[in-house]
Amino acid sequence: MAGEVKSALEATKIAKDYVGKYKFFLRPLKAVREDDTWFVDLDVGGFNTIVAKVKIDAKSGEIIEYNIPE
């Protein structure tokens, strides 16, 4: 991936690029860093708020875990 993720903007871009493969509508809600992990929430619901959650390793930029609701 891209290497160290230093900002919420970078973490959000990584999450949007990944979730965008599966969902058309994407609206960033939150990006928070805790220790060496970024937690990014994206609204993928369109009319209703449906939250996709993505965990990103801050050191490598790799996606550790994700949850994309149907």
C-alpha atoms as a PDB file:
ATOM      1  CA  MET A   1       0.000   0.000   0.000  1.00  0.00           C
ATOM      2  CA  ALA A   2       0.997   3.622   0.491  1.00  0.00           C
ATOM      3  CA  GLY A   3       3.145   3.335   3.637  1.00  0.00           C
ATOM      4  CA  GLU A   4       2.567   5.287   6.828  1.00  0.00           C
ATOM      5  CA  VAL A   5      -0.831   6.967   7.118  1.00  0.00           C
ATOM      6  CA  LYS A   6      -0.305  10.280   8.912  1.00  0.00           C
ATOM      7  CA  SER A   7      -3.655  12.031   8.566  1.00  0.00           C
ATOM      8  CA  ALA A   8      -7.377  11.418   8.765  1.00  0.00           C
ATOM      9  CA  LEU A   9      -7.629  12.551   5.145  1.00  0.00           C
ATOM     10  CA  GLU A  10      -5.220   9.804   3.997  1.00  0.00           C
ATOM     11  CA  ALA A  11      -7.042   7.166   6.070  1.00  0.00           C
ATOM     12  CA  THR A  12     -10.399   8.270   4.667  1.00  0.00           C
ATOM     13  CA  LYS A  13      -9.082   8.066   1.084  1.00  0.00           C
ATOM     14  CA  ILE A  14      -7.848   4.500   1.619  1.00  0.00           C
ATOM     15  CA  ALA A  15     -11.204   3.499   3.122  1.00  0.00           C
ATOM     16  CA  LYS A  16     -13.195   5.213   0.338  1.00  0.00           C
ATOM     17  CA  ASP A  17     -11.088   3.589  -2.384  1.00  0.00           C
ATOM     18  CA  TYR A  18     -11.719   0.156  -0.892  1.00  0.00           C
ATOM     19  CA  VAL A  19     -15.406   0.480   0.024  1.00  0.00           C
ATOM     20  CA  GLY A  20     -16.049   2.222  -3.314  1.00  0.00           C
ATOM     21  CA  LYS A  21     -15.429  -1.117  -5.033  1.00  0.00           C
ATOM     22  CA  TYR A  22     -18.623  -2.409  -3.404  1.00  0.00           C
ATOM     23  CA  LYS A  23     -20.810   0.644  -2.801  1.00  0.00           C
ATOM     24  CA  PHE A  24     -21.760   3.540  -5.057  1.00  0.00           C
ATOM     25  CA  PHE A  25     -22.750   6.115  -2.406  1.00  0.00           C
ATOM     26  CA  LEU A  26     -19.986   7.080   0.046  1.00  0.00           C
ATOM     27  CA  ARG A  27     -19.973   9.858   2.613  1.00  0.00           C
ATOM     28  CA  PRO A  28     -17.187  10.091   5.210  1.00  0.00           C
ATOM     29  CA  LEU A  29     -18.467  10.312   8.769  1.00  0.00           C
ATOM     30  CA  LYS A  30     -15.438   9.899  11.011  1.00  0.00           C
ATOM     31  CA  ALA A  31     -11.731   9.015  11.022  1.00  0.00           C
ATOM     32  CA  VAL A  32      -9.988   8.512  14.375  1.00  0.00           C
ATOM     33  CA  ARG A  33      -6.500   7.273  15.168  1.00  0.00           C
ATOM     34  CA  GLU A  34      -5.973   5.122  18.256  1.00  0.00           C
ATOM     35  CA  ASP A  35      -2.352   4.056  18.745  1.00  0.00           C
ATOM     36  CA  ASP A  36      -1.298   2.463  15.435  1.00  0.00           C
ATOM     37  CA  THR A  37      -4.793   1.989  13.986  1.00  0.00           C
ATOM     38  CA  TRP A  38      -7.120   4.274  12.061  1.00  0.00           C
ATOM     39  CA  PHE A  39     -10.867   3.697  12.487  1.00  0.00           C
ATOM     40  CA  VAL A  40     -12.850   5.106   9.562  1.00  0.00           C
ATOM     41  CA  ASP A  41     -16.662   5.224   9.341  1.00  0.00           C
ATOM     42  CA  LEU A  42     -18.374   5.830   5.996  1.00  0.00           C
ATOM     43  CA  ASP A  43     -22.088   6.263   5.317  1.00  0.00           C
ATOM     44  CA  VAL A  44     -23.005   3.945   2.428  1.00  0.00           C
ATOM     45  CA  GLY A  45     -26.789   4.168   2.770  1.00  0.00           C
ATOM     46  CA  GLY A  46     -27.970   6.872   0.409  1.00  0.00           C
ATOM     47  CA  PHE A  47     -31.394   7.618   1.930  1.00  0.00           C
ATOM     48  CA  ASN A  48     -30.786   6.014   5.326  1.00  0.00           C
ATOM     49  CA  THR A  49     -27.536   6.157   7.260  1.00  0.00           C
ATOM     50  CA  ILE A  50     -25.806   2.777   6.948  1.00  0.00           C
ATOM     51  CA  VAL A  51     -22.277   2.774   8.336  1.00  0.00           C
ATOM     52  CA  ALA A  52     -19.364   0.847   6.842  1.00  0.00           C
ATOM     53  CA  LYS A  53     -16.413   0.527   9.234  1.00  0.00           C
ATOM     54  CA  VAL A  54     -12.786   0.151   8.152  1.00  0.00           C
ATOM     55  CA  LYS A  55      -9.686  -0.397  10.326  1.00  0.00           C
ATOM     56  CA  ILE A  56      -6.374   0.638   8.782  1.00  0.00           C
ATOM     57  CA  ASP A  57      -2.853  -0.029  10.079  1.00  0.00           C
ATOM     58  CA  ALA A  58      -1.320   3.445  10.518  1.00  0.00           C
ATOM     59  CA  LYS A  59       2.234   2.227   9.872  1.00  0.00           C
ATOM     60  CA  SER A  60       1.657   0.260   6.665  1.00  0.00           C
ATOM     61  CA  GLY A  61      -1.627   1.609   5.260  1.00  0.00           C
ATOM     62  CA  GLU A  62      -2.980  -1.952   5.047  1.00  0.00           C
ATOM     63  CA  ILE A  63      -6.649  -2.600   5.756  1.00  0.00           C
ATOM     64  CA  ILE A  64      -6.806  -4.733   8.896  1.00  0.00           C
ATOM     65  CA  GLU A  65     -10.557  -5.258   9.056  1.00  0.00           C
ATOM     66  CA  TYR A  66     -13.737  -3.994   7.431  1.00  0.00           C
ATOM     67  CA  ASN A  67     -17.500  -4.316   7.754  1.00  0.00           C
ATOM     68  CA  ILE A  68     -19.632  -3.266   4.802  1.00  0.00           C
ATOM     69  CA  PRO A  69     -23.364  -3.797   5.507  1.00  0.00           C
ATOM     70  CA  GLU A  70     -25.659  -4.871   2.686  1.00  0.00           C
END
